[in-house]
Amino acid sequence: MKALQDLDIFVRTVETGSLSATARALDLTPAAASAALKRLEAELGAALFVRSTRSLRLTPRGEIFLEQSRPALQALQQAARLLAQGEAAIEGALKLSAPSDLGRNVLLPLLEEFQQAHPRVQVRLQLSDRVANLYSEPVDAAFRYGEPPDSTLVALPLAPDNRRVLCASPEYLKRHGEPASLQELSERDGLCFMFGETVYDRWHFAGEDGKNLSVRMRAVNVSNDGDAVRRWAILGRGIAYKAQLDVQADLTAGRLRVICPQWSEPAPLYMVVPDRRQLTPLLKSLRDHIAQGLVDRQV
């Protein structure tokens, strides 16, 4: 940034009263420092100094320029320092936790883009549908659907409008049609998630009238891996109730279709950290990249 350096030389020369002192402070030759001042004067079309063999003093126009340029120089130097610090901080290892389906099909491509932009970042990605304990496990941040029940955690929104939707393959719907009622839905083939020994076969919906509805599904296929549930839906094994983020690529490609859109519930995605002090420039940059990536993908 030659223009910034020229301005710095001008202000320092005024403050020290000596061009040679300025040159020594900036590790320049006196000739280079003098050339910088001449270059600045040529760009401004005005003489800034009255020169003699023994001294330098500002011209009236130089006085005006100094008054305006000194705070501008300070602001530019501060901006350059912040930018340099920010770029230097976008490096290091990130330990992340995410649900299996979200991690494989949504986060991995976004993380690849992030690492392409910042080659000195390393990722340790833990994929599990078990919710990581951010206080006891070595995880910098976790990706979770829904606000965390622990109010002491810091939840940064990534996809606040995401919802959980019913979906099935075109082949399944061709064979069975779309259910017309919750009773009919409960009699269909449910593809359900399980955690431990608990099968999540009761699906909850937020009604448009503010009433919460639920239905117990006939669970024909059950897995503790959300991606397996998605794959069963694509194969036409039944109906799944998935976060739209997890199945957006399948919906776009026509492998799955949203059915009964009146039955859904909010499933906002957050990046969760234990403490706001852990929001390093690296984590903030990652959060911004993923949030923008989800917008770009119209998710």
Protein backbone atom coordinates (compact mmCIF):
# COMPACT_ATOMS: atom_id res chain seq x y z
CA MET A 1 0.00 0.00 0.00
CA LYS A 2 2.36 2.69 -1.29
CA ALA A 3 -0.14 5.53 -0.80
CA LEU A 4 -0.57 4.62 2.86
CA GLN A 5 3.21 4.53 3.35
CA ASP A 6 3.62 7.92 1.65
CA LEU A 7 1.02 9.42 3.97
CA ASP A 8 2.77 7.84 6.97
CA ILE A 9 6.10 9.39 5.89
CA PHE A 10 4.46 12.80 5.57
CA VAL A 11 2.92 12.72 9.07
CA ARG A 12 6.08 11.33 10.70
CA THR A 13 8.22 13.97 9.03
CA VAL A 14 6.00 16.69 10.44
CA GLU A 15 6.16 15.14 13.91
CA THR A 16 9.92 14.59 13.95
CA GLY A 17 10.84 17.67 11.94
CA SER A 18 13.42 15.59 10.14
CA LEU A 19 13.20 13.58 6.95
CA SER A 20 16.30 11.56 7.83
CA ALA A 21 14.83 10.62 11.24
CA THR A 22 11.66 9.45 9.53
CA ALA A 23 13.70 7.38 7.07
CA ARG A 24 15.62 5.71 9.92
CA ALA A 25 12.41 4.90 11.82
CA LEU A 26 10.87 3.23 8.75
CA ASP A 27 14.11 1.55 7.64
CA LEU A 28 14.23 3.56 4.41
CA THR A 29 16.98 5.52 2.70
CA PRO A 30 16.65 9.30 2.90
CA ALA A 31 16.32 9.33 -0.90
CA ALA A 32 13.34 6.91 -0.74
CA ALA A 33 11.65 9.00 1.94
CA SER A 34 12.21 12.18 -0.05
CA ALA A 35 10.80 10.51 -3.18
CA ALA A 36 7.67 9.52 -1.22
CA LEU A 37 7.04 13.14 -0.21
CA LYS A 38 7.56 14.35 -3.78
CA ARG A 39 5.18 11.67 -5.03
CA LEU A 40 2.54 12.75 -2.52
CA GLU A 41 2.91 16.41 -3.50
CA ALA A 42 2.63 15.51 -7.17
CA GLU A 43 -0.58 13.55 -6.55
CA LEU A 44 -2.06 16.46 -4.56
CA GLY A 45 -0.79 19.13 -6.94
CA ALA A 46 0.44 21.19 -4.00
CA ALA A 47 3.70 21.83 -2.13
CA LEU A 48 3.43 20.53 1.44
CA PHE A 49 6.83 21.65 2.76
CA VAL A 50 9.13 24.64 2.45
CA ARG A 51 12.56 23.04 2.26
CA SER A 52 15.94 24.49 3.14
CA THR A 53 19.33 22.87 3.71
CA ARG A 54 18.76 22.90 7.48
CA SER A 55 15.00 22.57 8.03
CA LEU A 56 11.54 21.60 6.81
CA ARG A 57 8.38 23.50 7.58
CA LEU A 58 4.81 23.10 6.42
CA THR A 59 3.28 25.36 3.84
CA PRO A 60 -0.22 26.74 4.58
CA ARG A 61 -1.65 24.07 2.31
CA GLY A 62 0.48 21.51 4.10
CA GLU A 63 -1.05 22.64 7.41
CA ILE A 64 -4.54 22.04 6.02
CA PHE A 65 -3.60 18.66 4.64
CA LEU A 66 -2.02 17.58 7.93
CA GLU A 67 -5.17 18.45 9.88
CA GLN A 68 -7.27 16.21 7.66
CA SER A 69 -4.80 13.43 6.93
CA ARG A 70 -3.58 12.62 10.45
CA PRO A 71 -6.91 11.12 11.71
CA ALA A 72 -7.42 9.48 8.31
CA LEU A 73 -4.00 7.82 8.57
CA GLN A 74 -4.75 6.56 12.08
CA ALA A 75 -8.06 5.05 10.89
CA LEU A 76 -6.43 3.39 7.88
CA GLN A 77 -3.62 1.94 9.98
CA GLN A 78 -6.11 0.58 12.51
CA ALA A 79 -8.16 -1.00 9.73
CA ALA A 80 -5.03 -2.61 8.26
CA ARG A 81 -4.06 -4.02 11.68
CA LEU A 82 -7.53 -5.46 12.27
CA LEU A 83 -7.54 -7.02 8.82
CA ALA A 84 -4.12 -8.55 9.34
CA GLN A 85 -5.11 -9.89 12.76
CA GLY A 86 -8.32 -11.35 11.35
CA GLU A 87 -6.54 -13.11 8.49
CA ALA A 88 -3.86 -14.43 10.81
CA ALA A 89 -6.53 -15.84 13.12
CA ILE A 90 -8.24 -17.85 10.36
CA GLU A 91 -6.07 -20.88 11.01
CA GLY A 92 -5.86 -23.76 13.44
CA ALA A 93 -7.83 -26.89 14.31
CA LEU A 94 -11.63 -26.89 14.68
CA LYS A 95 -13.32 -29.63 16.69
CA LEU A 96 -16.94 -29.83 15.57
CA SER A 97 -19.92 -32.03 16.36
CA ALA A 98 -22.94 -32.47 14.09
CA PRO A 99 -25.86 -34.84 13.43
CA SER A 100 -24.95 -37.55 10.93
CA ASP A 101 -27.27 -36.56 8.09
CA LEU A 102 -26.58 -32.83 8.37
CA GLY A 103 -22.85 -33.41 8.62
CA ARG A 104 -22.53 -35.71 5.62
CA ASN A 105 -24.90 -34.02 3.21
CA VAL A 106 -24.83 -30.33 4.15
CA LEU A 107 -21.81 -29.40 6.27
CA LEU A 108 -19.10 -31.39 4.50
CA PRO A 109 -19.40 -29.43 1.22
CA LEU A 110 -19.49 -26.13 3.12
CA LEU A 111 -16.48 -27.12 5.23
CA GLU A 112 -14.59 -28.02 2.06
CA GLU A 113 -15.28 -24.56 0.64
CA PHE A 114 -14.13 -22.99 3.91
CA GLN A 115 -10.87 -24.95 3.91
CA GLN A 116 -10.25 -24.09 0.27
CA ALA A 117 -10.47 -20.41 1.25
CA HIS A 118 -8.41 -20.94 4.43
CA PRO A 119 -5.88 -23.75 3.78
CA ARG A 120 -4.36 -23.52 7.26
CA VAL A 121 -7.58 -24.66 8.94
CA GLN A 122 -7.88 -28.29 10.06
CA VAL A 123 -11.23 -29.90 10.91
CA ARG A 124 -12.02 -32.64 13.43
CA LEU A 125 -15.62 -33.52 12.66
CA GLN A 126 -17.57 -35.80 14.98
CA LEU A 127 -20.74 -37.12 13.32
CA SER A 128 -23.27 -38.57 15.70
CA ASP A 129 -26.96 -38.20 16.36
CA ARG A 130 -26.09 -38.25 20.05
CA VAL A 131 -26.01 -34.67 21.42
CA ALA A 132 -22.46 -33.80 22.44
CA ASN A 133 -21.88 -32.43 25.93
CA LEU A 134 -20.02 -29.21 25.22
CA TYR A 135 -18.78 -28.91 28.79
CA SER A 136 -17.20 -32.36 29.14
CA GLU A 137 -16.19 -33.19 25.55
CA PRO A 138 -13.34 -31.60 23.57
CA VAL A 139 -15.63 -29.83 21.08
CA ASP A 140 -15.28 -26.19 20.00
CA ALA A 141 -18.80 -25.97 18.57
CA ALA A 142 -21.80 -28.19 17.87
CA PHE A 143 -24.46 -27.91 15.19
CA ARG A 144 -27.95 -28.56 16.55
CA TYR A 145 -31.54 -28.31 15.51
CA GLY A 146 -33.68 -26.31 17.94
CA GLU A 147 -32.61 -24.01 20.73
CA PRO A 148 -30.52 -25.85 23.34
CA PRO A 149 -32.39 -26.51 26.59
CA ASP A 150 -29.35 -25.31 28.54
CA SER A 151 -29.76 -21.52 28.60
CA THR A 152 -26.10 -21.03 29.55
CA LEU A 153 -24.98 -22.16 26.09
CA VAL A 154 -24.56 -19.61 23.30
CA ALA A 155 -26.65 -20.49 20.22
CA LEU A 156 -25.84 -18.66 16.98
CA PRO A 157 -28.56 -18.98 14.31
CA LEU A 158 -27.59 -20.53 10.97
CA ALA A 159 -30.96 -21.38 9.39
CA PRO A 160 -33.67 -19.84 11.60
CA ASP A 161 -36.53 -20.63 9.20
CA ASN A 162 -35.74 -24.31 8.72
CA ARG A 163 -38.62 -26.73 9.42
CA ARG A 164 -39.15 -30.45 9.84
CA VAL A 165 -41.25 -31.79 6.96
CA LEU A 166 -42.93 -35.04 5.95
CA CYS A 167 -41.37 -36.53 2.83
CA ALA A 168 -41.53 -39.64 0.70
CA SER A 169 -40.29 -40.83 -2.67
CA PRO A 170 -42.38 -40.40 -5.83
CA GLU A 171 -42.50 -44.21 -6.16
CA TYR A 172 -43.95 -44.62 -2.68
CA LEU A 173 -46.56 -41.93 -3.32
CA LYS A 174 -47.46 -43.50 -6.65
CA ARG A 175 -48.22 -46.76 -4.85
CA HIS A 176 -49.93 -45.37 -1.76
CA GLY A 177 -50.96 -41.76 -2.44
CA GLU A 178 -50.71 -38.84 -0.02
CA PRO A 179 -52.47 -39.28 3.35
CA ALA A 180 -55.51 -37.05 3.76
CA SER A 181 -55.72 -37.11 7.56
CA LEU A 182 -53.56 -37.70 10.61
CA GLN A 183 -55.36 -40.98 11.16
CA GLU A 184 -54.44 -42.08 7.65
CA LEU A 185 -50.86 -40.89 8.19
CA SER A 186 -50.57 -43.04 11.32
CA GLU A 187 -51.45 -46.12 9.28
CA ARG A 188 -48.67 -45.55 6.74
CA ASP A 189 -45.13 -46.93 6.79
CA GLY A 190 -43.16 -44.77 9.20
CA LEU A 191 -39.37 -44.44 8.91
CA CYS A 192 -38.31 -43.52 12.42
CA PHE A 193 -35.22 -42.43 14.29
CA MET A 194 -34.18 -44.08 17.54
CA PHE A 195 -31.79 -43.06 20.30
CA GLY A 196 -30.68 -45.77 22.67
CA GLU A 197 -33.73 -47.94 23.14
CA THR A 198 -36.19 -45.11 22.53
CA VAL A 199 -37.95 -45.06 19.17
CA TYR A 200 -39.21 -41.62 18.14
CA ASP A 201 -42.40 -42.82 16.51
CA ARG A 202 -44.58 -39.97 17.83
CA TRP A 203 -44.35 -37.07 15.43
CA HIS A 204 -45.35 -33.58 16.55
CA PHE A 205 -46.69 -30.78 14.34
CA ALA A 206 -47.26 -27.07 14.92
CA GLY A 207 -50.71 -26.26 13.54
CA GLU A 208 -51.44 -22.97 11.76
CA ASP A 209 -54.09 -22.18 14.38
CA GLY A 210 -51.52 -22.47 17.17
CA LYS A 211 -52.63 -25.92 18.25
CA ASN A 212 -49.99 -28.60 18.60
CA LEU A 213 -50.84 -31.91 16.97
CA SER A 214 -49.17 -35.29 17.17
CA VAL A 215 -49.52 -38.74 15.71
CA ARG A 216 -48.00 -42.11 16.61
CA MET A 217 -46.59 -43.74 13.50
CA ARG A 218 -46.47 -47.41 12.60
CA ALA A 219 -42.69 -47.68 12.61
CA VAL A 220 -41.73 -50.19 9.92
CA ASN A 221 -38.03 -49.24 9.71
CA VAL A 222 -36.05 -47.76 12.59
CA SER A 223 -32.42 -46.57 12.80
CA ASN A 224 -30.20 -44.64 15.16
CA ASP A 225 -28.65 -42.94 12.11
CA GLY A 226 -30.57 -40.09 10.52
CA ASP A 227 -28.91 -40.65 7.16
CA ALA A 228 -30.19 -44.24 7.07
CA VAL A 229 -33.73 -42.95 7.58
CA ARG A 230 -33.26 -40.54 4.67
CA ARG A 231 -31.94 -43.31 2.42
CA TRP A 232 -34.89 -45.56 3.26
CA ALA A 233 -37.22 -42.75 2.23
CA ILE A 234 -35.42 -42.41 -1.12
CA LEU A 235 -35.74 -46.17 -1.64
CA GLY A 236 -39.51 -45.89 -1.20
CA ARG A 237 -39.74 -47.73 2.11
CA GLY A 238 -42.15 -45.23 3.65
CA ILE A 239 -42.60 -41.71 5.01
CA ALA A 240 -39.90 -39.85 6.93
CA TYR A 241 -40.16 -36.74 9.09
CA LYS A 242 -36.93 -34.87 8.42
CA ALA A 243 -35.40 -31.44 8.81
CA GLN A 244 -35.70 -29.82 5.40
CA LEU A 245 -31.99 -29.02 5.46
CA ASP A 246 -31.23 -32.75 5.54
CA VAL A 247 -33.32 -33.55 2.48
CA GLN A 248 -33.10 -30.33 0.44
CA ALA A 249 -30.78 -31.86 -2.16
CA ASP A 250 -33.14 -34.85 -2.52
CA LEU A 251 -36.15 -32.53 -2.90
CA THR A 252 -34.35 -30.47 -5.54
CA ALA A 253 -33.31 -33.59 -7.45
CA GLY A 254 -36.80 -35.11 -7.23
CA ARG A 255 -35.72 -38.11 -5.19
CA LEU A 256 -38.12 -37.04 -2.45
CA ARG A 257 -41.26 -34.89 -2.28
CA VAL A 258 -42.67 -32.89 0.63
CA ILE A 259 -46.16 -34.15 1.48
CA CYS A 260 -48.86 -32.67 3.70
CA PRO A 261 -47.02 -29.34 4.17
CA GLN A 262 -49.69 -28.25 6.66
CA TRP A 263 -48.13 -30.72 9.11
CA SER A 264 -44.64 -29.55 10.08
CA GLU A 265 -42.77 -27.90 12.93
CA PRO A 266 -39.91 -25.41 13.31
CA ALA A 267 -36.40 -26.90 13.30
CA PRO A 268 -34.01 -23.91 13.31
CA LEU A 269 -30.33 -24.77 12.99
CA TYR A 270 -27.80 -23.27 15.41
CA MET A 271 -24.08 -23.34 15.97
CA VAL A 272 -23.71 -23.80 19.72
CA VAL A 273 -20.69 -22.94 21.89
CA PRO A 274 -20.30 -23.21 25.68
CA ASP A 275 -19.24 -19.60 26.21
CA ARG A 276 -19.22 -16.42 24.15
CA ARG A 277 -15.53 -15.98 24.98
CA GLN A 278 -14.84 -19.07 22.84
CA LEU A 279 -16.11 -17.29 19.73
CA THR A 280 -12.71 -16.87 18.13
CA PRO A 281 -12.30 -15.10 14.78
CA LEU A 282 -11.97 -18.59 13.29
CA LEU A 283 -15.33 -19.75 14.66
CA LYS A 284 -17.03 -16.49 13.74
CA SER A 285 -15.72 -16.77 10.20
CA LEU A 286 -16.92 -20.37 9.97
CA ARG A 287 -20.37 -19.42 11.25
CA ASP A 288 -20.68 -16.63 8.68
CA HIS A 289 -19.53 -18.92 5.87
CA ILE A 290 -22.02 -21.66 6.70
CA ALA A 291 -24.93 -19.26 7.19
CA GLN A 292 -24.21 -17.63 3.83
CA GLY A 293 -23.74 -21.02 2.18
CA LEU A 294 -27.19 -22.13 3.32
CA VAL A 295 -28.69 -18.91 1.92
CA ASP A 296 -26.87 -19.41 -1.40
CA ARG A 297 -28.28 -22.93 -1.63
CA GLN A 298 -31.79 -21.53 -0.98
CA VAL A 299 -32.17 -23.78 2.04
